[in-house]
Amino acid sequence: MNTDLALVIGCLLAVLSVPSILSALTDRRAPRASALTVLIAGGLILYALRANPGGYSFAELPNVFVSVAADFLP
């Protein structure tokens, strides 16, 4: 798996799990599925950060998202 793709998927999973966590907490349920999703997202982000030789900076993140989107669009 490309490290850029792992970083983008991890970031998207982390962002999409926030509403699920908030919903579970407001309904006074345990956020089990949300916690698992956050762990998977964190693992993907850590993999991307460790596997990329130069690492990532915050200034690079928009370019990484655009390059991954450009790979999937025809």
N, C-alpha and C. Protein backbone atom coordinates (compact mmCIF):
# COMPACT_ATOMS: atom_id res chain seq x y z
N MET A 1 0.86 -1.17 0.00
CA MET A 1 0.00 0.00 0.00
C MET A 1 0.90 1.24 0.00
N ASN A 2 0.54 2.17 -0.83
CA ASN A 2 1.26 3.43 -0.92
C ASN A 2 1.10 4.19 0.41
N THR A 3 2.17 4.83 0.88
CA THR A 3 2.09 5.53 2.15
C THR A 3 1.16 6.74 2.08
N ASP A 4 1.11 7.37 0.91
CA ASP A 4 0.18 8.50 0.76
C ASP A 4 -1.26 8.02 0.89
N LEU A 5 -1.57 6.90 0.27
CA LEU A 5 -2.92 6.35 0.36
C LEU A 5 -3.26 5.94 1.79
N ALA A 6 -2.31 5.35 2.49
CA ALA A 6 -2.54 4.96 3.89
C ALA A 6 -2.80 6.18 4.75
N LEU A 7 -2.06 7.25 4.52
CA LEU A 7 -2.26 8.48 5.29
C LEU A 7 -3.64 9.07 5.02
N VAL A 8 -4.05 9.12 3.77
CA VAL A 8 -5.35 9.70 3.43
C VAL A 8 -6.49 8.85 3.98
N ILE A 9 -6.41 7.54 3.85
CA ILE A 9 -7.46 6.67 4.38
C ILE A 9 -7.52 6.78 5.90
N GLY A 10 -6.38 6.83 6.54
CA GLY A 10 -6.35 6.97 8.00
C GLY A 10 -6.96 8.27 8.46
N CYS A 11 -6.64 9.36 7.78
CA CYS A 11 -7.22 10.66 8.15
C CYS A 11 -8.73 10.68 7.93
N LEU A 12 -9.18 10.11 6.81
CA LEU A 12 -10.62 10.08 6.53
C LEU A 12 -11.36 9.21 7.54
N LEU A 13 -10.80 8.07 7.89
CA LEU A 13 -11.45 7.22 8.90
C LEU A 13 -11.52 7.92 10.25
N ALA A 14 -10.46 8.63 10.61
CA ALA A 14 -10.45 9.33 11.89
C ALA A 14 -11.52 10.42 11.92
N VAL A 15 -11.64 11.15 10.84
CA VAL A 15 -12.64 12.23 10.79
C VAL A 15 -14.05 11.66 10.77
N LEU A 16 -14.27 10.59 10.03
CA LEU A 16 -15.61 10.02 9.94
C LEU A 16 -16.03 9.28 11.21
N SER A 17 -15.10 8.93 12.08
CA SER A 17 -15.47 8.24 13.31
C SER A 17 -15.93 9.21 14.40
N VAL A 18 -15.64 10.49 14.26
CA VAL A 18 -16.02 11.46 15.29
C VAL A 18 -17.54 11.53 15.49
N PRO A 19 -18.36 11.63 14.42
CA PRO A 19 -19.81 11.63 14.66
C PRO A 19 -20.32 10.36 15.32
N SER A 20 -19.72 9.24 14.99
CA SER A 20 -20.13 7.98 15.61
C SER A 20 -19.80 7.96 17.10
N ILE A 21 -18.65 8.49 17.45
CA ILE A 21 -18.27 8.57 18.87
C ILE A 21 -19.24 9.48 19.62
N LEU A 22 -19.52 10.64 19.05
CA LEU A 22 -20.43 11.58 19.71
C LEU A 22 -21.83 11.01 19.84
N SER A 23 -22.29 10.30 18.82
CA SER A 23 -23.61 9.68 18.88
C SER A 23 -23.67 8.62 19.98
N ALA A 24 -22.64 7.81 20.08
CA ALA A 24 -22.63 6.78 21.12
C ALA A 24 -22.58 7.40 22.51
N LEU A 25 -21.81 8.45 22.67
CA LEU A 25 -21.72 9.08 23.99
C LEU A 25 -23.01 9.78 24.39
N THR A 26 -23.70 10.41 23.43
CA THR A 26 -24.96 11.07 23.78
C THR A 26 -26.07 10.07 24.08
N ASP A 27 -26.00 8.89 23.47
CA ASP A 27 -26.99 7.84 23.75
C ASP A 27 -26.58 6.98 24.94
N ARG A 28 -25.48 7.33 25.58
CA ARG A 28 -24.95 6.62 26.75
C ARG A 28 -24.67 5.15 26.44
N ARG A 29 -24.05 4.95 25.26
CA ARG A 29 -23.61 3.61 24.86
C ARG A 29 -22.08 3.62 24.80
N ALA A 30 -21.52 2.45 24.83
CA ALA A 30 -20.07 2.34 24.68
C ALA A 30 -19.72 2.47 23.19
N PRO A 31 -18.79 3.33 22.85
CA PRO A 31 -18.43 3.51 21.43
C PRO A 31 -17.44 2.44 20.95
N ARG A 32 -17.89 1.19 20.91
CA ARG A 32 -16.99 0.08 20.57
C ARG A 32 -16.55 0.13 19.11
N ALA A 33 -17.49 0.24 18.21
CA ALA A 33 -17.14 0.27 16.78
C ALA A 33 -16.33 1.52 16.46
N SER A 34 -16.67 2.62 17.08
CA SER A 34 -15.94 3.86 16.85
C SER A 34 -14.51 3.76 17.37
N ALA A 35 -14.34 3.13 18.50
CA ALA A 35 -13.00 2.97 19.06
C ALA A 35 -12.15 2.08 18.15
N LEU A 36 -12.74 1.04 17.61
CA LEU A 36 -12.02 0.18 16.68
C LEU A 36 -11.63 0.94 15.42
N THR A 37 -12.53 1.78 14.93
CA THR A 37 -12.24 2.59 13.75
C THR A 37 -11.12 3.58 14.02
N VAL A 38 -11.12 4.19 15.19
CA VAL A 38 -10.04 5.12 15.55
C VAL A 38 -8.71 4.38 15.65
N LEU A 39 -8.70 3.17 16.18
CA LEU A 39 -7.47 2.39 16.26
C LEU A 39 -6.94 2.04 14.88
N ILE A 40 -7.83 1.65 13.98
CA ILE A 40 -7.41 1.34 12.61
C ILE A 40 -6.87 2.59 11.93
N ALA A 41 -7.55 3.72 12.11
CA ALA A 41 -7.09 4.97 11.52
C ALA A 41 -5.73 5.37 12.07
N GLY A 42 -5.55 5.24 13.36
CA GLY A 42 -4.26 5.56 13.96
C GLY A 42 -3.15 4.65 13.46
N GLY A 43 -3.47 3.38 13.29
CA GLY A 43 -2.48 2.45 12.75
C GLY A 43 -2.07 2.79 11.33
N LEU A 44 -3.03 3.17 10.50
CA LEU A 44 -2.71 3.56 9.13
C LEU A 44 -1.86 4.83 9.10
N ILE A 45 -2.20 5.78 9.96
CA ILE A 45 -1.43 7.03 9.99
C ILE A 45 -0.01 6.76 10.49
N LEU A 46 0.13 5.96 11.53
CA LEU A 46 1.47 5.63 12.03
C LEU A 46 2.29 4.86 11.00
N TYR A 47 1.64 3.94 10.29
CA TYR A 47 2.34 3.22 9.22
C TYR A 47 2.85 4.18 8.16
N ALA A 48 2.00 5.12 7.76
CA ALA A 48 2.40 6.08 6.72
C ALA A 48 3.54 6.96 7.21
N LEU A 49 3.49 7.38 8.45
CA LEU A 49 4.54 8.26 8.97
C LEU A 49 5.88 7.53 9.10
N ARG A 50 5.84 6.26 9.46
CA ARG A 50 7.08 5.50 9.65
C ARG A 50 7.64 4.98 8.33
N ALA A 51 6.77 4.64 7.38
CA ALA A 51 7.23 4.03 6.13
C ALA A 51 7.73 5.06 5.12
N ASN A 52 7.27 6.29 5.23
CA ASN A 52 7.72 7.33 4.31
C ASN A 52 9.09 7.82 4.78
N PRO A 53 10.12 7.71 3.93
CA PRO A 53 11.48 8.05 4.37
C PRO A 53 11.64 9.50 4.80
N GLY A 54 11.01 10.42 4.13
CA GLY A 54 11.16 11.83 4.47
C GLY A 54 10.18 12.32 5.50
N GLY A 55 9.17 11.52 5.79
CA GLY A 55 8.12 11.94 6.70
C GLY A 55 7.16 12.91 6.02
N TYR A 56 6.22 13.42 6.76
CA TYR A 56 5.24 14.36 6.25
C TYR A 56 5.25 15.60 7.13
N SER A 57 4.98 16.73 6.51
CA SER A 57 4.78 17.96 7.27
C SER A 57 3.34 18.41 7.05
N PHE A 58 2.87 19.32 7.89
CA PHE A 58 1.50 19.80 7.75
C PHE A 58 1.30 20.53 6.44
N ALA A 59 2.33 21.16 5.93
CA ALA A 59 2.23 21.88 4.66
C ALA A 59 2.06 20.93 3.48
N GLU A 60 2.50 19.68 3.62
CA GLU A 60 2.40 18.70 2.54
C GLU A 60 1.03 18.03 2.47
N LEU A 61 0.26 18.05 3.53
CA LEU A 61 -0.99 17.28 3.59
C LEU A 61 -1.97 17.62 2.47
N PRO A 62 -2.21 18.90 2.15
CA PRO A 62 -3.14 19.16 1.03
C PRO A 62 -2.65 18.57 -0.28
N ASN A 63 -1.35 18.63 -0.53
CA ASN A 63 -0.80 18.05 -1.77
C ASN A 63 -0.93 16.54 -1.79
N VAL A 64 -0.80 15.91 -0.63
CA VAL A 64 -0.95 14.46 -0.55
C VAL A 64 -2.39 14.07 -0.85
N PHE A 65 -3.35 14.80 -0.28
CA PHE A 65 -4.76 14.51 -0.55
C PHE A 65 -5.09 14.68 -2.03
N VAL A 66 -4.58 15.73 -2.63
CA VAL A 66 -4.85 16.00 -4.04
C VAL A 66 -4.20 14.93 -4.92
N SER A 67 -3.00 14.52 -4.60
CA SER A 67 -2.32 13.51 -5.43
C SER A 67 -3.03 12.17 -5.33
N VAL A 68 -3.53 11.81 -4.16
CA VAL A 68 -4.27 10.55 -4.02
C VAL A 68 -5.59 10.63 -4.77
N ALA A 69 -6.28 11.77 -4.69
CA ALA A 69 -7.53 11.94 -5.44
C ALA A 69 -7.27 11.90 -6.94
N ALA A 70 -6.16 12.48 -7.38
CA ALA A 70 -5.83 12.49 -8.80
C ALA A 70 -5.52 11.09 -9.31
N ASP A 71 -4.99 10.23 -8.46
CA ASP A 71 -4.71 8.85 -8.87
C ASP A 71 -5.99 8.07 -9.14
N PHE A 72 -7.08 8.40 -8.45
CA PHE A 72 -8.32 7.68 -8.61
C PHE A 72 -9.24 8.25 -9.68
N LEU A 73 -9.07 9.50 -10.01
CA LEU A 73 -9.90 10.12 -11.04
C LEU A 73 -9.28 9.89 -12.41
N PRO A 74 -10.11 9.64 -13.41
CA PRO A 74 -9.56 9.36 -14.76
C PRO A 74 -8.98 10.57 -15.42
